[in-house]
Amino acid sequence: MLSWSMTLVKENIKSLEELYDEFVEQYCLGNFTEGMCPQTGDDALMGPKSVAHKFKKRAEELGYTFDEYSGLANELEEWVDIHLGNLESKFR
């Protein structure tokens, strides 16, 4: 019974690709922050490792295994790193 209910729950949730896209969208909107920027006092965007960790936790909550989500988590971490690099280069 448990495996059937887990399968049913998993079918009703987001795919990992949808979750990934949601994280990218929310990050671009500035909704993943931690701490404050010391120069301006504004909220600071989460770093790559923090975003990937949050993605992993959410994927696990949705019933996905490490083997299922780890590739996208690594890709998301790399995307955030590149995105932050692009943002920093605009303000130099």
Protein backbone atom coordinates (compact mmCIF):
# COMPACT_ATOMS: atom_id res chain seq x y z
CA MET A 1 0.00 0.00 0.00
CA LEU A 2 2.80 2.41 0.85
CA SER A 3 4.51 2.05 -2.53
CA TRP A 4 1.21 2.66 -4.34
CA SER A 5 0.56 5.82 -2.34
CA MET A 6 4.11 7.06 -2.91
CA THR A 7 3.68 6.44 -6.64
CA LEU A 8 0.37 8.27 -6.61
CA VAL A 9 1.88 11.22 -4.76
CA LYS A 10 4.86 11.34 -7.11
CA GLU A 11 2.59 11.39 -10.15
CA ASN A 12 0.72 14.40 -8.76
CA ILE A 13 3.80 16.52 -8.11
CA LYS A 14 6.10 18.55 -10.26
CA SER A 15 8.67 16.91 -12.43
CA LEU A 16 12.26 17.67 -11.54
CA GLU A 17 12.54 19.73 -14.70
CA GLU A 18 9.56 21.83 -13.62
CA LEU A 19 11.11 22.24 -10.18
CA TYR A 20 14.40 23.30 -11.78
CA ASP A 21 12.63 25.85 -13.98
CA GLU A 22 10.74 27.19 -10.96
CA PHE A 23 13.99 27.64 -9.04
CA VAL A 24 15.61 29.50 -11.95
CA GLU A 25 12.57 31.75 -12.32
CA GLN A 26 12.34 32.49 -8.60
CA TYR A 27 16.08 33.13 -8.39
CA CYS A 28 15.86 35.62 -11.26
CA LEU A 29 13.03 37.35 -9.41
CA GLY A 30 15.25 37.70 -6.34
CA ASN A 31 13.28 35.32 -4.17
CA PHE A 32 16.26 33.27 -2.93
CA THR A 33 18.10 35.45 -0.49
CA GLU A 34 20.24 34.96 2.57
CA GLY A 35 21.80 37.67 4.68
CA MET A 36 22.43 41.23 3.66
CA CYS A 37 24.81 42.92 1.30
CA PRO A 38 27.33 44.78 3.50
CA GLN A 39 27.73 47.66 1.02
CA THR A 40 24.04 48.45 0.47
CA GLY A 41 22.11 46.70 3.22
CA ASP A 42 19.97 44.99 0.56
CA ASP A 43 19.08 41.33 0.72
CA ALA A 44 21.87 39.18 -0.71
CA LEU A 45 21.09 36.50 -3.26
CA MET A 46 21.84 32.95 -2.16
CA GLY A 47 25.07 31.48 -3.40
CA PRO A 48 25.25 28.48 -5.73
CA LYS A 49 25.70 25.86 -3.01
CA SER A 50 22.80 27.22 -0.94
CA VAL A 51 20.44 27.18 -3.92
CA ALA A 52 21.49 23.65 -4.87
CA HIS A 53 20.99 22.53 -1.25
CA LYS A 54 17.51 24.06 -1.18
CA PHE A 55 16.70 22.31 -4.48
CA LYS A 56 17.88 18.96 -3.10
CA LYS A 57 15.77 19.37 0.04
CA ARG A 58 12.68 20.26 -1.99
CA ALA A 59 13.24 17.33 -4.38
CA GLU A 60 13.53 14.97 -1.40
CA GLU A 61 10.32 16.39 0.08
CA LEU A 62 8.62 15.55 -3.20
CA GLY A 63 9.85 11.95 -2.98
CA TYR A 64 12.75 12.02 -5.41
CA THR A 65 15.96 10.12 -4.68
CA PHE A 66 19.53 11.42 -4.80
CA ASP A 67 20.15 9.57 -8.06
CA GLU A 68 17.12 11.26 -9.60
CA TYR A 69 17.84 14.85 -8.57
CA SER A 70 21.62 15.10 -8.21
CA GLY A 71 22.32 15.88 -11.88
CA LEU A 72 19.86 18.76 -11.97
CA ALA A 73 21.06 20.02 -8.58
CA ASN A 74 24.61 20.20 -9.95
CA GLU A 75 23.38 21.91 -13.10
CA LEU A 76 21.44 24.44 -11.01
CA GLU A 77 24.49 25.16 -8.88
CA GLU A 78 26.53 25.81 -12.01
CA TRP A 79 23.77 28.01 -13.47
CA VAL A 80 23.62 30.15 -10.31
CA ASP A 81 27.41 30.52 -10.33
CA ILE A 82 27.36 31.74 -13.93
CA HIS A 83 24.34 33.98 -13.31
CA LEU A 84 26.01 35.63 -10.31
CA GLY A 85 29.18 36.12 -12.32
CA ASN A 86 27.19 37.88 -15.02
CA LEU A 87 25.48 40.10 -12.45
CA GLU A 88 28.79 41.03 -10.82
CA SER A 89 30.34 41.92 -14.17
CA LYS A 90 27.52 44.42 -14.79
CA PHE A 91 28.42 46.35 -11.63
CA ARG A 92 32.18 46.54 -12.09
